[in-house]
N, C-alpha and C. Protein backbone atom coordinates (compact mmCIF):
# COMPACT_ATOMS: atom_id res chain seq x y z
N UNK A 1 0.82 -1.19 0.00
CA UNK A 1 0.00 0.00 0.00
C UNK A 1 0.87 1.26 0.00
N UNK A 2 1.91 1.23 0.82
CA UNK A 2 2.79 2.40 0.90
C UNK A 2 3.53 2.61 -0.41
N UNK A 3 3.90 1.52 -1.06
CA UNK A 3 4.63 1.66 -2.32
C UNK A 3 3.74 2.26 -3.41
N UNK A 4 2.44 1.95 -3.39
CA UNK A 4 1.52 2.55 -4.35
C UNK A 4 1.36 4.04 -4.12
N UNK A 5 1.28 4.44 -2.85
CA UNK A 5 1.19 5.86 -2.53
C UNK A 5 2.46 6.59 -2.93
N UNK A 6 3.59 5.96 -2.66
CA UNK A 6 4.88 6.56 -3.01
C UNK A 6 5.00 6.70 -4.53
N UNK A 7 4.56 5.71 -5.27
CA UNK A 7 4.62 5.78 -6.72
C UNK A 7 3.73 6.90 -7.26
N UNK A 8 2.58 7.08 -6.66
CA UNK A 8 1.68 8.16 -7.09
C UNK A 8 2.29 9.52 -6.81
N UNK A 9 2.93 9.66 -5.66
CA UNK A 9 3.56 10.95 -5.33
C UNK A 9 4.74 11.23 -6.24
N UNK A 10 5.51 10.23 -6.58
CA UNK A 10 6.64 10.41 -7.49
C UNK A 10 6.14 10.77 -8.89
N UNK A 11 5.02 10.18 -9.30
CA UNK A 11 4.44 10.52 -10.59
C UNK A 11 3.98 11.97 -10.62
N UNK A 12 3.39 12.44 -9.52
CA UNK A 12 2.96 13.84 -9.46
C UNK A 12 4.16 14.78 -9.48
N UNK A 13 5.22 14.41 -8.78
CA UNK A 13 6.42 15.23 -8.79
C UNK A 13 7.03 15.28 -10.19
N UNK A 14 7.07 14.14 -10.85
CA UNK A 14 7.60 14.10 -12.21
C UNK A 14 6.76 14.91 -13.19
N UNK A 15 5.45 14.87 -13.01
CA UNK A 15 4.57 15.64 -13.88
C UNK A 15 4.76 17.14 -13.65
N UNK A 16 4.93 17.53 -12.40
CA UNK A 16 5.15 18.94 -12.10
C UNK A 16 6.48 19.42 -12.69
N UNK A 17 7.52 18.63 -12.54
CA UNK A 17 8.82 19.00 -13.11
C UNK A 17 8.74 19.05 -14.63
N UNK A 18 8.05 18.08 -15.23
CA UNK A 18 7.90 18.06 -16.68
C UNK A 18 7.14 19.27 -17.21
N UNK A 19 6.09 19.65 -16.53
CA UNK A 19 5.32 20.82 -16.96
C UNK A 19 6.15 22.09 -16.81
N UNK A 20 6.92 22.18 -15.74
CA UNK A 20 7.79 23.34 -15.55
C UNK A 20 8.87 23.43 -16.61
N UNK A 21 9.48 22.31 -16.93
CA UNK A 21 10.50 22.31 -17.98
C UNK A 21 9.91 22.66 -19.35
N UNK A 22 8.69 22.21 -19.60
CA UNK A 22 8.04 22.55 -20.87
C UNK A 22 7.78 24.05 -20.96
N UNK A 23 7.35 24.64 -19.86
CA UNK A 23 7.09 26.09 -19.86
C UNK A 23 8.40 26.87 -20.03
N UNK A 24 9.45 26.43 -19.36
CA UNK A 24 10.74 27.11 -19.49
C UNK A 24 11.27 26.97 -20.92
N UNK A 25 11.16 25.78 -21.48
CA UNK A 25 11.63 25.57 -22.85
C UNK A 25 10.86 26.40 -23.86
N UNK A 26 9.56 26.52 -23.67
CA UNK A 26 8.75 27.34 -24.57
C UNK A 26 9.14 28.81 -24.46
N UNK A 27 9.38 29.27 -23.25
CA UNK A 27 9.79 30.66 -23.06
C UNK A 27 11.12 30.95 -23.73
N UNK A 28 12.06 30.05 -23.56
CA UNK A 28 13.37 30.23 -24.21
C UNK A 28 13.22 30.19 -25.72
N UNK A 29 12.44 29.25 -26.22
CA UNK A 29 12.26 29.12 -27.67
C UNK A 29 11.61 30.34 -28.29
N UNK A 30 10.56 30.84 -27.68
CA UNK A 30 9.88 32.01 -28.23
C UNK A 30 10.76 33.24 -28.11
N UNK A 31 11.52 33.34 -27.04
CA UNK A 31 12.45 34.46 -26.90
C UNK A 31 13.51 34.47 -27.99
N UNK A 32 14.02 33.29 -28.29
CA UNK A 32 15.03 33.21 -29.36
C UNK A 32 14.42 33.51 -30.72
N UNK A 33 13.21 33.02 -30.95
CA UNK A 33 12.53 33.29 -32.22
C UNK A 33 12.33 34.79 -32.40
N UNK A 34 11.81 35.43 -31.36
CA UNK A 34 11.56 36.87 -31.43
C UNK A 34 12.84 37.67 -31.60
N UNK A 35 13.89 37.30 -30.87
CA UNK A 35 15.15 38.02 -30.97
C UNK A 35 15.79 37.89 -32.35
N UNK A 36 15.79 36.69 -32.86
CA UNK A 36 16.38 36.47 -34.19
C UNK A 36 15.56 37.15 -35.28
N UNK A 37 14.24 37.15 -35.11
CA UNK A 37 13.39 37.83 -36.10
C UNK A 37 13.63 39.33 -36.09
N UNK A 38 13.78 39.91 -34.91
CA UNK A 38 14.06 41.35 -34.84
C UNK A 38 15.42 41.68 -35.46
N UNK A 39 16.38 40.81 -35.22
CA UNK A 39 17.70 41.00 -35.83
C UNK A 39 17.61 40.93 -37.36
N UNK A 40 16.85 39.97 -37.86
CA UNK A 40 16.69 39.84 -39.30
C UNK A 40 15.93 41.02 -39.90
N UNK A 41 14.92 41.52 -39.17
CA UNK A 41 14.17 42.67 -39.66
C UNK A 41 15.03 43.93 -39.68
N UNK A 42 15.93 44.04 -38.73
CA UNK A 42 16.82 45.20 -38.71
C UNK A 42 17.80 45.16 -39.88
N UNK A 43 18.19 43.95 -40.26
CA UNK A 43 19.13 43.82 -41.38
C UNK A 43 18.45 44.02 -42.73
N UNK A 44 17.23 43.50 -42.86
CA UNK A 44 16.52 43.58 -44.13
C UNK A 44 15.08 44.05 -43.89
N UNK A 45 14.87 45.35 -43.78
CA UNK A 45 13.51 45.85 -43.50
C UNK A 45 12.50 45.53 -44.60
N UNK A 46 12.95 45.33 -45.81
CA UNK A 46 12.01 45.05 -46.91
C UNK A 46 11.38 43.66 -46.79
N UNK A 47 11.96 42.78 -46.02
CA UNK A 47 11.43 41.42 -45.83
C UNK A 47 10.62 41.28 -44.54
N UNK A 48 10.21 42.39 -43.98
CA UNK A 48 9.57 42.39 -42.67
C UNK A 48 8.29 41.56 -42.63
N UNK A 49 7.44 41.65 -43.63
CA UNK A 49 6.17 40.91 -43.59
C UNK A 49 6.40 39.41 -43.69
N UNK A 50 7.35 38.99 -44.53
CA UNK A 50 7.67 37.56 -44.63
C UNK A 50 8.24 37.03 -43.32
N UNK A 51 9.13 37.83 -42.72
CA UNK A 51 9.73 37.40 -41.46
C UNK A 51 8.70 37.33 -40.34
N UNK A 52 7.79 38.28 -40.31
CA UNK A 52 6.77 38.29 -39.26
C UNK A 52 5.88 37.07 -39.34
N UNK A 53 5.47 36.71 -40.55
CA UNK A 53 4.59 35.53 -40.68
C UNK A 53 5.34 34.25 -40.33
N UNK A 54 6.60 34.17 -40.72
CA UNK A 54 7.39 32.99 -40.36
C UNK A 54 7.61 32.92 -38.85
N UNK A 55 7.81 34.07 -38.23
CA UNK A 55 8.00 34.12 -36.78
C UNK A 55 6.73 33.66 -36.06
N UNK A 56 5.58 34.07 -36.52
CA UNK A 56 4.33 33.68 -35.88
C UNK A 56 4.09 32.19 -36.02
N UNK A 57 4.39 31.64 -37.17
CA UNK A 57 4.22 30.19 -37.38
C UNK A 57 5.16 29.41 -36.48
N UNK A 58 6.42 29.83 -36.40
CA UNK A 58 7.38 29.13 -35.55
C UNK A 58 6.99 29.24 -34.07
N UNK A 59 6.53 30.40 -33.64
CA UNK A 59 6.10 30.56 -32.26
C UNK A 59 4.89 29.69 -31.95
N UNK A 60 3.99 29.57 -32.90
CA UNK A 60 2.81 28.72 -32.70
C UNK A 60 3.21 27.25 -32.57
N UNK A 61 4.19 26.83 -33.34
CA UNK A 61 4.66 25.44 -33.23
C UNK A 61 5.31 25.18 -31.88
N UNK A 62 6.10 26.14 -31.41
CA UNK A 62 6.73 25.98 -30.09
C UNK A 62 5.66 25.93 -29.01
N UNK A 63 4.67 26.79 -29.08
CA UNK A 63 3.59 26.78 -28.10
C UNK A 63 2.79 25.48 -28.16
N UNK A 64 2.61 24.95 -29.36
CA UNK A 64 1.89 23.68 -29.49
C UNK A 64 2.61 22.54 -28.80
N UNK A 65 3.92 22.49 -28.95
CA UNK A 65 4.70 21.44 -28.30
C UNK A 65 4.65 21.62 -26.78
N UNK A 66 4.75 22.86 -26.30
CA UNK A 66 4.67 23.10 -24.86
C UNK A 66 3.29 22.73 -24.32
N UNK A 67 2.25 23.06 -25.05
CA UNK A 67 0.89 22.70 -24.63
C UNK A 67 0.72 21.19 -24.56
N UNK A 68 1.27 20.49 -25.53
CA UNK A 68 1.22 19.03 -25.55
C UNK A 68 1.94 18.45 -24.33
N UNK A 69 3.10 19.01 -23.99
CA UNK A 69 3.85 18.53 -22.83
C UNK A 69 3.09 18.76 -21.54
N UNK A 70 2.43 19.90 -21.42
CA UNK A 70 1.65 20.19 -20.21
C UNK A 70 0.46 19.25 -20.11
N UNK A 71 -0.18 18.93 -21.21
CA UNK A 71 -1.31 17.98 -21.20
C UNK A 71 -0.83 16.60 -20.77
N UNK A 72 0.31 16.17 -21.27
CA UNK A 72 0.87 14.88 -20.86
C UNK A 72 1.18 14.89 -19.38
N UNK A 73 1.70 16.01 -18.86
CA UNK A 73 1.98 16.10 -17.42
C UNK A 73 0.70 16.01 -16.60
N UNK A 74 -0.35 16.68 -17.06
CA UNK A 74 -1.64 16.60 -16.35
C UNK A 74 -2.18 15.18 -16.38
N UNK A 75 -2.04 14.50 -17.50
CA UNK A 75 -2.49 13.11 -17.56
C UNK A 75 -1.68 12.21 -16.64
N UNK A 76 -0.40 12.52 -16.45
CA UNK A 76 0.41 11.73 -15.53
C UNK A 76 -0.06 11.92 -14.10
N UNK A 77 -0.55 13.10 -13.78
CA UNK A 77 -1.06 13.34 -12.42
C UNK A 77 -2.36 12.57 -12.20
N UNK A 78 -3.23 12.57 -13.21
CA UNK A 78 -4.55 11.95 -13.07
C UNK A 78 -4.45 10.43 -13.05
N UNK A 79 -3.60 9.88 -13.84
CA UNK A 79 -3.51 8.41 -13.96
C UNK A 79 -2.87 7.78 -12.76
């Protein structure tokens, strides 16, 4: 009985750490995307609209992966 409770608590701890790492990774990824896009826009202002749309698509993909990781962490807590 104690081992089952311990396993559940370890799973919750792992899910919390996983969700935190996913949020940190998404923040770093979006920060790098935004910084590099601003650098590229400063170098080539005529390509600003193309760069902006590419930046939004890349940021959406990063957010999608982070959202998926958080959902998996929540499922680990529930199961």
